[in-house]
C-alpha atoms as a PDB file:
ATOM      1  CA  UNK A   1       9.099   7.350   7.074  1.00  0.00           C
ATOM      2  CA  UNK A   2       7.926  10.737   5.106  1.00  0.00           C
ATOM      3  CA  UNK A   3       9.131   9.499   1.847  1.00  0.00           C
ATOM      4  CA  UNK A   4       7.221   6.606   2.005  1.00  0.00           C
ATOM      5  CA  UNK A   5       3.838   8.573   3.137  1.00  0.00           C
ATOM      6  CA  UNK A   6       4.829  10.608  -0.808  1.00  0.00           C
ATOM      7  CA  UNK A   7       5.626   7.788  -3.262  1.00  0.00           C
ATOM      8  CA  UNK A   8       1.819   6.877  -1.704  1.00  0.00           C
ATOM      9  CA  UNK A   9       0.438   9.959  -2.202  1.00  0.00           C
ATOM     10  CA  UNK A  10       1.935  10.162  -5.388  1.00  0.00           C
ATOM     11  CA  UNK A  11       0.332   6.983  -6.546  1.00  0.00           C
ATOM     12  CA  UNK A  12      -2.913   8.104  -5.047  1.00  0.00           C
ATOM     13  CA  UNK A  13      -3.269  11.574  -7.021  1.00  0.00           C
ATOM     14  CA  UNK A  14      -2.027   9.861 -10.345  1.00  0.00           C
ATOM     15  CA  UNK A  15      -4.590   6.672 -10.273  1.00  0.00           C
ATOM     16  CA  UNK A  16      -7.515   8.905  -9.011  1.00  0.00           C
ATOM     17  CA  UNK A  17      -7.005  11.137 -11.796  1.00  0.00           C
ATOM     18  CA  UNK A  18      -7.819   8.360 -14.360  1.00  0.00           C
ATOM     19  CA  UNK A  19     -10.696   6.852 -12.628  1.00  0.00           C
ATOM     20  CA  UNK A  20     -14.465   7.232 -12.394  1.00  0.00           C
ATOM     21  CA  UNK A  21     -14.954   6.187  -8.987  1.00  0.00           C
ATOM     22  CA  UNK A  22     -12.003   7.709  -7.067  1.00  0.00           C
ATOM     23  CA  UNK A  23     -13.076   7.395  -3.733  1.00  0.00           C
ATOM     24  CA  UNK A  24     -12.728   3.284  -3.951  1.00  0.00           C
ATOM     25  CA  UNK A  25      -9.352   3.661  -5.021  1.00  0.00           C
ATOM     26  CA  UNK A  26      -6.901   1.843  -2.230  1.00  0.00           C
ATOM     27  CA  UNK A  27      -3.087   1.838  -2.114  1.00  0.00           C
ATOM     28  CA  UNK A  28      -1.254  -0.324  -0.031  1.00  0.00           C
ATOM     29  CA  UNK A  29       2.461   0.123   0.673  1.00  0.00           C
ATOM     30  CA  UNK A  30       4.751  -3.409   0.986  1.00  0.00           C
ATOM     31  CA  UNK A  31       8.138  -1.999   2.375  1.00  0.00           C
ATOM     32  CA  UNK A  32      11.166  -4.126   2.061  1.00  0.00           C
ATOM     33  CA  UNK A  33      14.496  -3.468   2.887  1.00  0.00           C
ATOM     34  CA  UNK A  34      15.531  -2.769  -0.867  1.00  0.00           C
ATOM     35  CA  UNK A  35      11.837  -2.524  -2.449  1.00  0.00           C
ATOM     36  CA  UNK A  36       8.571  -1.121  -2.045  1.00  0.00           C
ATOM     37  CA  UNK A  37       5.905  -2.678  -3.632  1.00  0.00           C
ATOM     38  CA  UNK A  38       2.243  -0.857  -4.391  1.00  0.00           C
ATOM     39  CA  UNK A  39      -0.533  -2.416  -4.266  1.00  0.00           C
ATOM     40  CA  UNK A  40      -3.318  -0.051  -6.162  1.00  0.00           C
ATOM     41  CA  UNK A  41      -7.042  -1.587  -6.020  1.00  0.00           C
ATOM     42  CA  UNK A  42      -9.762   0.249  -7.744  1.00  0.00           C
ATOM     43  CA  UNK A  43     -13.587  -0.137  -8.543  1.00  0.00           C
ATOM     44  CA  UNK A  44     -13.675  -3.436 -10.838  1.00  0.00           C
ATOM     45  CA  UNK A  45     -15.293  -1.101 -13.650  1.00  0.00           C
ATOM     46  CA  UNK A  46     -11.834   1.425 -13.452  1.00  0.00           C
ATOM     47  CA  UNK A  47      -9.094  -1.359 -14.141  1.00  0.00           C
ATOM     48  CA  UNK A  48      -9.435  -0.862 -17.526  1.00  0.00           C
ATOM     49  CA  UNK A  49      -8.477   2.418 -17.371  1.00  0.00           C
ATOM     50  CA  UNK A  50      -5.409   1.949 -15.627  1.00  0.00           C
ATOM     51  CA  UNK A  51      -3.753  -0.363 -17.153  1.00  0.00           C
ATOM     52  CA  UNK A  52      -5.031   1.323 -20.699  1.00  0.00           C
ATOM     53  CA  UNK A  53      -4.515  -0.339 -23.733  1.00  0.00           C
ATOM     54  CA  UNK A  54      -1.423  -2.650 -23.798  1.00  0.00           C
ATOM     55  CA  UNK A  55      -1.098  -1.931 -20.585  1.00  0.00           C
ATOM     56  CA  UNK A  56       0.229   1.987 -21.897  1.00  0.00           C
ATOM     57  CA  UNK A  57      -1.244   3.633 -18.325  1.00  0.00           C
ATOM     58  CA  UNK A  58       0.148   1.487 -15.726  1.00  0.00           C
ATOM     59  CA  UNK A  59       3.747   1.470 -17.787  1.00  0.00           C
ATOM     60  CA  UNK A  60       3.759   5.352 -17.435  1.00  0.00           C
ATOM     61  CA  UNK A  61       2.601   5.207 -14.223  1.00  0.00           C
ATOM     62  CA  UNK A  62       5.036   2.946 -12.840  1.00  0.00           C
ATOM     63  CA  UNK A  63       7.429   5.459 -14.763  1.00  0.00           C
ATOM     64  CA  UNK A  64       6.643   8.588 -12.784  1.00  0.00           C
ATOM     65  CA  UNK A  65       7.061   6.280  -9.626  1.00  0.00           C
ATOM     66  CA  UNK A  66      10.274   5.065 -10.603  1.00  0.00           C
ATOM     67  CA  UNK A  67      11.742   8.354 -11.157  1.00  0.00           C
ATOM     68  CA  UNK A  68      10.487   9.849  -8.310  1.00  0.00           C
ATOM     69  CA  UNK A  69      11.807   6.955  -6.367  1.00  0.00           C
ATOM     70  CA  UNK A  70      15.521   7.269  -8.005  1.00  0.00           C
ATOM     71  CA  UNK A  71      16.874   9.794  -4.809  1.00  0.00           C
ATOM     72  CA  UNK A  72      15.814   7.425  -2.189  1.00  0.00           C
ATOM     73  CA  UNK A  73      17.457   4.664  -4.028  1.00  0.00           C
ATOM     74  CA  UNK A  74      15.638   1.669  -3.273  1.00  0.00           C
ATOM     75  CA  UNK A  75      13.889  -0.434  -6.358  1.00  0.00           C
ATOM     76  CA  UNK A  76       9.789   0.285  -6.416  1.00  0.00           C
ATOM     77  CA  UNK A  77       7.069  -1.724  -8.261  1.00  0.00           C
ATOM     78  CA  UNK A  78       3.594  -0.591  -8.976  1.00  0.00           C
ATOM     79  CA  UNK A  79       0.590  -3.685  -8.938  1.00  0.00           C
ATOM     80  CA  UNK A  80      -3.173  -3.263 -10.333  1.00  0.00           C
ATOM     81  CA  UNK A  81      -5.128  -5.875  -7.802  1.00  0.00           C
ATOM     82  CA  UNK A  82      -8.600  -6.690  -8.360  1.00  0.00           C
END
């Protein structure tokens, strides 16, 4: 349980650092047996900042989160939802 909260906090910190409206950032975790999905919801004006040009920013966020989760052996996904 503690590790999942840390991952949610990591995703939240990374995304809040990028957006203009950090108070509107919401991260929802969906836990499965072998995987976890982190749904990131931001203000409509900030979606482009989180995704980045050609998806580079969200790809970098996913890389950091996957590296942090490697120890747990679970597969993680980060999805931006609107």
